[in-house]
Amino acid sequence: MKSLLKAFHSINEKGSEFISKRRLSPIETAKSYIEMEKDPENLYKKLIDKTKGFGVFSFEKIYKGQFIAQYRGDLVPKKEMNDKIKYYEETNAGSYVYDFIHNNIEYSIDATLH
């Protein structure tokens, strides 16, 4: 993935204005994409199979520590998510949920309706 560049307007010691560019850190890159509400252009969605559903893939190599994408959805306590998943299954809506633990509390990000 190509790193984002940030332009800085500066004035050199002779008083001339110039633009310098530097690569953004992975955290700065993540913040930029999140603020723009978009994902890097090198990503694409592909059906893996009927059981696993869709996955996110990249046209380019992904390096350790590199920003990949923001998982967008509603933050829901895990206990509430279990009831929502049952509803999604009953209505054949599918479910797109990312589970994680933060400060010993289980959460889910529900992207099903996004």
N, C-alpha and C. Protein backbone atom coordinates (compact mmCIF):
# COMPACT_ATOMS: atom_id res chain seq x y z
N MET A 1 0.83 -1.16 0.00
CA MET A 1 0.00 0.00 0.00
C MET A 1 0.88 1.23 0.00
N LYS A 2 0.51 2.18 -0.78
CA LYS A 2 1.28 3.41 -0.82
C LYS A 2 0.99 4.22 0.42
N SER A 3 2.03 4.74 1.05
CA SER A 3 1.84 5.57 2.23
C SER A 3 1.32 6.93 1.83
N LEU A 4 0.54 7.49 2.72
CA LEU A 4 0.08 8.85 2.47
C LEU A 4 1.22 9.82 2.72
N LEU A 5 1.23 10.88 1.94
CA LEU A 5 2.23 11.93 2.12
C LEU A 5 1.53 13.16 2.66
N LYS A 6 2.21 13.87 3.51
CA LYS A 6 1.67 15.11 4.04
C LYS A 6 2.58 16.24 3.59
N ALA A 7 1.96 17.29 3.08
CA ALA A 7 2.74 18.43 2.60
C ALA A 7 2.84 19.47 3.72
N PHE A 8 4.02 20.04 3.85
CA PHE A 8 4.27 21.07 4.84
C PHE A 8 4.77 22.32 4.12
N HIS A 9 4.11 23.43 4.36
CA HIS A 9 4.57 24.71 3.79
C HIS A 9 5.62 25.25 4.74
N SER A 10 6.76 25.55 4.20
CA SER A 10 7.87 26.04 5.01
C SER A 10 8.53 27.21 4.31
N ILE A 11 9.35 27.90 5.05
CA ILE A 11 10.15 28.99 4.48
C ILE A 11 11.60 28.68 4.83
N ASN A 12 12.46 28.65 3.80
CA ASN A 12 13.86 28.32 4.04
C ASN A 12 14.61 29.54 4.59
N GLU A 13 15.90 29.33 4.85
CA GLU A 13 16.71 30.39 5.46
C GLU A 13 16.84 31.64 4.58
N LYS A 14 16.59 31.52 3.29
CA LYS A 14 16.66 32.67 2.39
C LYS A 14 15.31 33.38 2.26
N GLY A 15 14.28 32.87 2.97
CA GLY A 15 12.97 33.49 2.92
C GLY A 15 12.08 32.98 1.81
N SER A 16 12.54 31.97 1.08
CA SER A 16 11.72 31.42 0.00
C SER A 16 10.78 30.36 0.55
N GLU A 17 9.53 30.40 0.08
CA GLU A 17 8.56 29.42 0.51
C GLU A 17 8.76 28.14 -0.31
N PHE A 18 8.61 27.00 0.35
CA PHE A 18 8.69 25.72 -0.36
C PHE A 18 7.78 24.73 0.35
N ILE A 19 7.49 23.65 -0.36
CA ILE A 19 6.65 22.58 0.19
C ILE A 19 7.51 21.35 0.37
N SER A 20 7.53 20.84 1.57
CA SER A 20 8.24 19.58 1.81
C SER A 20 7.20 18.50 2.10
N LYS A 21 7.53 17.27 1.78
CA LYS A 21 6.61 16.16 1.98
C LYS A 21 7.30 15.10 2.83
N ARG A 22 6.50 14.43 3.65
CA ARG A 22 7.02 13.30 4.39
C ARG A 22 5.92 12.24 4.48
N ARG A 23 6.35 11.00 4.64
CA ARG A 23 5.40 9.91 4.78
C ARG A 23 4.76 9.98 6.17
N LEU A 24 3.47 9.65 6.22
CA LEU A 24 2.79 9.63 7.50
C LEU A 24 3.10 8.34 8.23
N SER A 25 3.12 8.39 9.54
CA SER A 25 3.29 7.18 10.36
C SER A 25 2.03 6.32 10.20
N PRO A 26 2.09 5.05 10.59
CA PRO A 26 0.89 4.21 10.50
C PRO A 26 -0.30 4.80 11.26
N ILE A 27 -0.06 5.40 12.41
CA ILE A 27 -1.15 5.99 13.19
C ILE A 27 -1.72 7.21 12.47
N GLU A 28 -0.85 8.05 11.92
CA GLU A 28 -1.31 9.21 11.16
C GLU A 28 -2.08 8.77 9.91
N THR A 29 -1.60 7.71 9.26
CA THR A 29 -2.28 7.17 8.08
C THR A 29 -3.67 6.68 8.46
N ALA A 30 -3.77 5.93 9.56
CA ALA A 30 -5.07 5.43 10.03
C ALA A 30 -6.02 6.59 10.30
N LYS A 31 -5.55 7.61 11.01
CA LYS A 31 -6.40 8.77 11.33
C LYS A 31 -6.86 9.46 10.05
N SER A 32 -5.99 9.57 9.06
CA SER A 32 -6.36 10.22 7.80
C SER A 32 -7.47 9.47 7.09
N TYR A 33 -7.34 8.15 6.97
CA TYR A 33 -8.38 7.37 6.31
C TYR A 33 -9.68 7.40 7.09
N ILE A 34 -9.61 7.34 8.41
CA ILE A 34 -10.81 7.38 9.24
C ILE A 34 -11.51 8.73 9.08
N GLU A 35 -10.74 9.83 9.08
CA GLU A 35 -11.34 11.16 8.88
C GLU A 35 -11.98 11.28 7.50
N MET A 36 -11.36 10.67 6.49
CA MET A 36 -11.91 10.73 5.13
C MET A 36 -13.08 9.76 4.94
N GLU A 37 -13.28 8.86 5.93
CA GLU A 37 -14.31 7.82 5.87
C GLU A 37 -14.19 6.98 4.61
N LYS A 38 -12.96 6.56 4.33
CA LYS A 38 -12.71 5.68 3.18
C LYS A 38 -11.60 4.71 3.53
N ASP A 39 -11.48 3.69 2.72
CA ASP A 39 -10.44 2.69 2.90
C ASP A 39 -9.37 2.86 1.82
N PRO A 40 -8.18 2.33 2.07
CA PRO A 40 -7.13 2.39 1.04
C PRO A 40 -7.60 1.74 -0.27
N GLU A 41 -7.10 2.26 -1.38
CA GLU A 41 -7.53 1.82 -2.70
C GLU A 41 -7.09 0.40 -3.04
N ASN A 42 -6.13 -0.15 -2.32
CA ASN A 42 -5.60 -1.46 -2.66
C ASN A 42 -6.44 -2.62 -2.12
N LEU A 43 -7.54 -2.33 -1.44
CA LEU A 43 -8.36 -3.38 -0.84
C LEU A 43 -9.53 -3.75 -1.73
N TYR A 44 -9.94 -5.01 -1.63
CA TYR A 44 -11.15 -5.44 -2.33
C TYR A 44 -11.83 -6.54 -1.53
N LYS A 45 -13.14 -6.67 -1.72
CA LYS A 45 -13.96 -7.66 -1.03
C LYS A 45 -14.13 -8.87 -1.95
N LYS A 46 -14.03 -10.07 -1.35
CA LYS A 46 -14.13 -11.29 -2.16
C LYS A 46 -14.86 -12.36 -1.35
N LEU A 47 -15.77 -13.08 -1.99
CA LEU A 47 -16.47 -14.18 -1.34
C LEU A 47 -15.50 -15.35 -1.18
N ILE A 48 -15.34 -15.79 0.07
CA ILE A 48 -14.46 -16.93 0.34
C ILE A 48 -15.24 -18.22 0.07
N ASP A 49 -16.34 -18.41 0.76
CA ASP A 49 -17.28 -19.50 0.51
C ASP A 49 -18.57 -19.19 1.27
N LYS A 50 -19.60 -20.05 1.12
CA LYS A 50 -20.90 -19.76 1.75
C LYS A 50 -20.81 -19.79 3.28
N THR A 51 -19.94 -20.60 3.83
CA THR A 51 -19.83 -20.70 5.28
C THR A 51 -19.10 -19.50 5.87
N LYS A 52 -17.97 -19.15 5.28
CA LYS A 52 -17.15 -18.05 5.82
C LYS A 52 -17.65 -16.69 5.37
N GLY A 53 -18.26 -16.62 4.22
CA GLY A 53 -18.75 -15.34 3.71
C GLY A 53 -17.64 -14.58 3.00
N PHE A 54 -17.69 -13.25 3.13
CA PHE A 54 -16.75 -12.38 2.44
C PHE A 54 -15.50 -12.12 3.28
N GLY A 55 -14.41 -11.79 2.60
CA GLY A 55 -13.17 -11.40 3.26
C GLY A 55 -12.61 -10.19 2.56
N VAL A 56 -11.69 -9.51 3.23
CA VAL A 56 -11.02 -8.35 2.65
C VAL A 56 -9.63 -8.78 2.21
N PHE A 57 -9.28 -8.45 0.98
CA PHE A 57 -7.99 -8.82 0.41
C PHE A 57 -7.29 -7.58 -0.12
N SER A 58 -5.99 -7.71 -0.37
CA SER A 58 -5.21 -6.57 -0.84
C SER A 58 -4.49 -6.94 -2.14
N PHE A 59 -4.42 -5.95 -3.04
CA PHE A 59 -3.64 -6.12 -4.26
C PHE A 59 -2.15 -6.01 -3.99
N GLU A 60 -1.78 -5.48 -2.82
CA GLU A 60 -0.38 -5.25 -2.47
C GLU A 60 -0.04 -5.95 -1.16
N LYS A 61 1.23 -6.17 -0.93
CA LYS A 61 1.70 -6.78 0.31
C LYS A 61 1.36 -5.86 1.48
N ILE A 62 0.95 -6.46 2.60
CA ILE A 62 0.65 -5.69 3.80
C ILE A 62 1.78 -5.97 4.79
N TYR A 63 2.36 -4.91 5.32
CA TYR A 63 3.50 -5.02 6.22
C TYR A 63 3.07 -4.93 7.68
N LYS A 64 3.84 -5.53 8.55
CA LYS A 64 3.59 -5.49 9.98
C LYS A 64 3.46 -4.04 10.44
N GLY A 65 2.41 -3.76 11.20
CA GLY A 65 2.19 -2.42 11.73
C GLY A 65 1.49 -1.47 10.79
N GLN A 66 1.21 -1.91 9.57
CA GLN A 66 0.59 -1.06 8.56
C GLN A 66 -0.91 -0.98 8.79
N PHE A 67 -1.50 0.19 8.59
CA PHE A 67 -2.95 0.35 8.65
C PHE A 67 -3.59 -0.39 7.49
N ILE A 68 -4.63 -1.17 7.79
CA ILE A 68 -5.33 -1.89 6.72
C ILE A 68 -6.66 -1.22 6.44
N ALA A 69 -7.55 -1.21 7.41
CA ALA A 69 -8.87 -0.59 7.21
C ALA A 69 -9.54 -0.42 8.56
N GLN A 70 -10.52 0.47 8.61
CA GLN A 70 -11.33 0.63 9.80
C GLN A 70 -12.54 -0.28 9.67
N TYR A 71 -12.85 -1.02 10.72
CA TYR A 71 -14.06 -1.84 10.74
C TYR A 71 -15.18 -0.95 11.27
N ARG A 72 -16.09 -0.55 10.40
CA ARG A 72 -17.14 0.40 10.75
C ARG A 72 -18.42 -0.33 11.16
N GLY A 73 -19.04 0.14 12.22
CA GLY A 73 -20.29 -0.44 12.67
C GLY A 73 -20.68 0.13 14.02
N ASP A 74 -21.69 -0.47 14.60
CA ASP A 74 -22.18 -0.04 15.90
C ASP A 74 -21.46 -0.81 17.01
N LEU A 75 -20.98 -0.09 18.02
CA LEU A 75 -20.32 -0.71 19.17
C LEU A 75 -21.41 -1.20 20.12
N VAL A 76 -21.41 -2.51 20.38
CA VAL A 76 -22.46 -3.14 21.17
C VAL A 76 -21.82 -4.05 22.21
N PRO A 77 -22.33 -4.02 23.48
CA PRO A 77 -21.83 -5.01 24.45
C PRO A 77 -22.13 -6.42 23.93
N LYS A 78 -21.23 -7.34 24.13
CA LYS A 78 -21.34 -8.70 23.59
C LYS A 78 -22.66 -9.36 24.01
N LYS A 79 -23.10 -9.13 25.24
CA LYS A 79 -24.34 -9.76 25.72
C LYS A 79 -25.53 -9.35 24.85
N GLU A 80 -25.60 -8.10 24.43
CA GLU A 80 -26.68 -7.62 23.56
C GLU A 80 -26.53 -8.17 22.14
N MET A 81 -25.30 -8.37 21.71
CA MET A 81 -25.03 -8.81 20.34
C MET A 81 -25.58 -10.20 20.10
N ASN A 82 -25.56 -11.07 21.10
CA ASN A 82 -26.04 -12.43 20.93
C ASN A 82 -27.51 -12.45 20.49
N ASP A 83 -28.34 -11.56 21.08
CA ASP A 83 -29.75 -11.48 20.68
C ASP A 83 -29.89 -10.94 19.26
N LYS A 84 -29.06 -9.98 18.90
CA LYS A 84 -29.11 -9.41 17.55
C LYS A 84 -28.72 -10.47 16.51
N ILE A 85 -27.72 -11.28 16.83
CA ILE A 85 -27.29 -12.33 15.89
C ILE A 85 -28.42 -13.33 15.67
N LYS A 86 -29.13 -13.69 16.74
CA LYS A 86 -30.27 -14.61 16.59
C LYS A 86 -31.32 -14.01 15.65
N TYR A 87 -31.58 -12.71 15.80
CA TYR A 87 -32.54 -12.03 14.92
C TYR A 87 -32.04 -12.03 13.48
N TYR A 88 -30.76 -11.74 13.28
CA TYR A 88 -30.20 -11.73 11.92
C TYR A 88 -30.33 -13.11 11.29
N GLU A 89 -30.09 -14.17 12.08
CA GLU A 89 -30.20 -15.52 11.55
C GLU A 89 -31.64 -15.86 11.19
N GLU A 90 -32.60 -15.45 12.04
CA GLU A 90 -34.02 -15.73 11.77
C GLU A 90 -34.52 -15.00 10.53
N THR A 91 -33.96 -13.84 10.24
CA THR A 91 -34.41 -13.05 9.09
C THR A 91 -33.50 -13.20 7.87
N ASN A 92 -32.52 -14.09 7.96
CA ASN A 92 -31.55 -14.31 6.88
C ASN A 92 -30.84 -13.04 6.46
N ALA A 93 -30.60 -12.14 7.41
CA ALA A 93 -29.92 -10.89 7.12
C ALA A 93 -28.41 -11.07 7.02
N GLY A 94 -27.91 -12.20 7.51
CA GLY A 94 -26.46 -12.37 7.62
C GLY A 94 -25.98 -11.55 8.80
N SER A 95 -24.76 -11.73 9.20
CA SER A 95 -24.23 -10.88 10.28
C SER A 95 -22.75 -10.64 10.02
N TYR A 96 -22.36 -9.41 10.22
CA TYR A 96 -20.98 -8.98 10.02
C TYR A 96 -20.54 -8.34 11.33
N VAL A 97 -19.91 -9.17 12.18
CA VAL A 97 -19.62 -8.76 13.55
C VAL A 97 -18.17 -9.06 13.87
N TYR A 98 -17.54 -8.09 14.54
CA TYR A 98 -16.16 -8.25 15.03
C TYR A 98 -16.23 -8.21 16.55
N ASP A 99 -15.79 -9.28 17.20
CA ASP A 99 -15.79 -9.36 18.66
C ASP A 99 -14.40 -9.08 19.21
N PHE A 100 -14.35 -8.40 20.36
CA PHE A 100 -13.07 -8.14 21.02
C PHE A 100 -13.29 -7.88 22.50
N ILE A 101 -12.21 -7.90 23.25
CA ILE A 101 -12.25 -7.63 24.69
C ILE A 101 -11.41 -6.40 24.97
N HIS A 102 -11.98 -5.46 25.73
CA HIS A 102 -11.25 -4.25 26.15
C HIS A 102 -11.50 -4.04 27.63
N ASN A 103 -10.42 -3.93 28.39
CA ASN A 103 -10.52 -3.78 29.85
C ASN A 103 -11.40 -4.88 30.47
N ASN A 104 -11.18 -6.10 29.99
CA ASN A 104 -11.90 -7.29 30.48
C ASN A 104 -13.40 -7.25 30.24
N ILE A 105 -13.86 -6.44 29.31
CA ILE A 105 -15.26 -6.39 28.92
C ILE A 105 -15.36 -6.80 27.45
N GLU A 106 -16.31 -7.71 27.15
CA GLU A 106 -16.49 -8.18 25.78
C GLU A 106 -17.41 -7.23 25.02
N TYR A 107 -16.96 -6.85 23.82
CA TYR A 107 -17.72 -5.97 22.94
C TYR A 107 -17.81 -6.60 21.56
N SER A 108 -18.73 -6.06 20.77
CA SER A 108 -18.84 -6.42 19.36
C SER A 108 -18.99 -5.14 18.56
N ILE A 109 -18.47 -5.15 17.34
CA ILE A 109 -18.77 -4.10 16.38
C ILE A 109 -19.66 -4.74 15.34
N ASP A 110 -20.90 -4.26 15.28
CA ASP A 110 -21.89 -4.83 14.36
C ASP A 110 -21.95 -3.98 13.09
N ALA A 111 -21.44 -4.55 12.01
CA ALA A 111 -21.43 -3.85 10.72
C ALA A 111 -22.53 -4.39 9.79
N THR A 112 -23.43 -5.18 10.31
CA THR A 112 -24.44 -5.83 9.48
C THR A 112 -25.28 -4.85 8.68
N LEU A 113 -25.69 -3.76 9.30
CA LEU A 113 -26.57 -2.81 8.63
C LEU A 113 -25.83 -1.64 8.01
N HIS A 114 -24.51 -1.71 7.94
CA HIS A 114 -23.72 -0.61 7.39
C HIS A 114 -23.25 -0.93 5.99
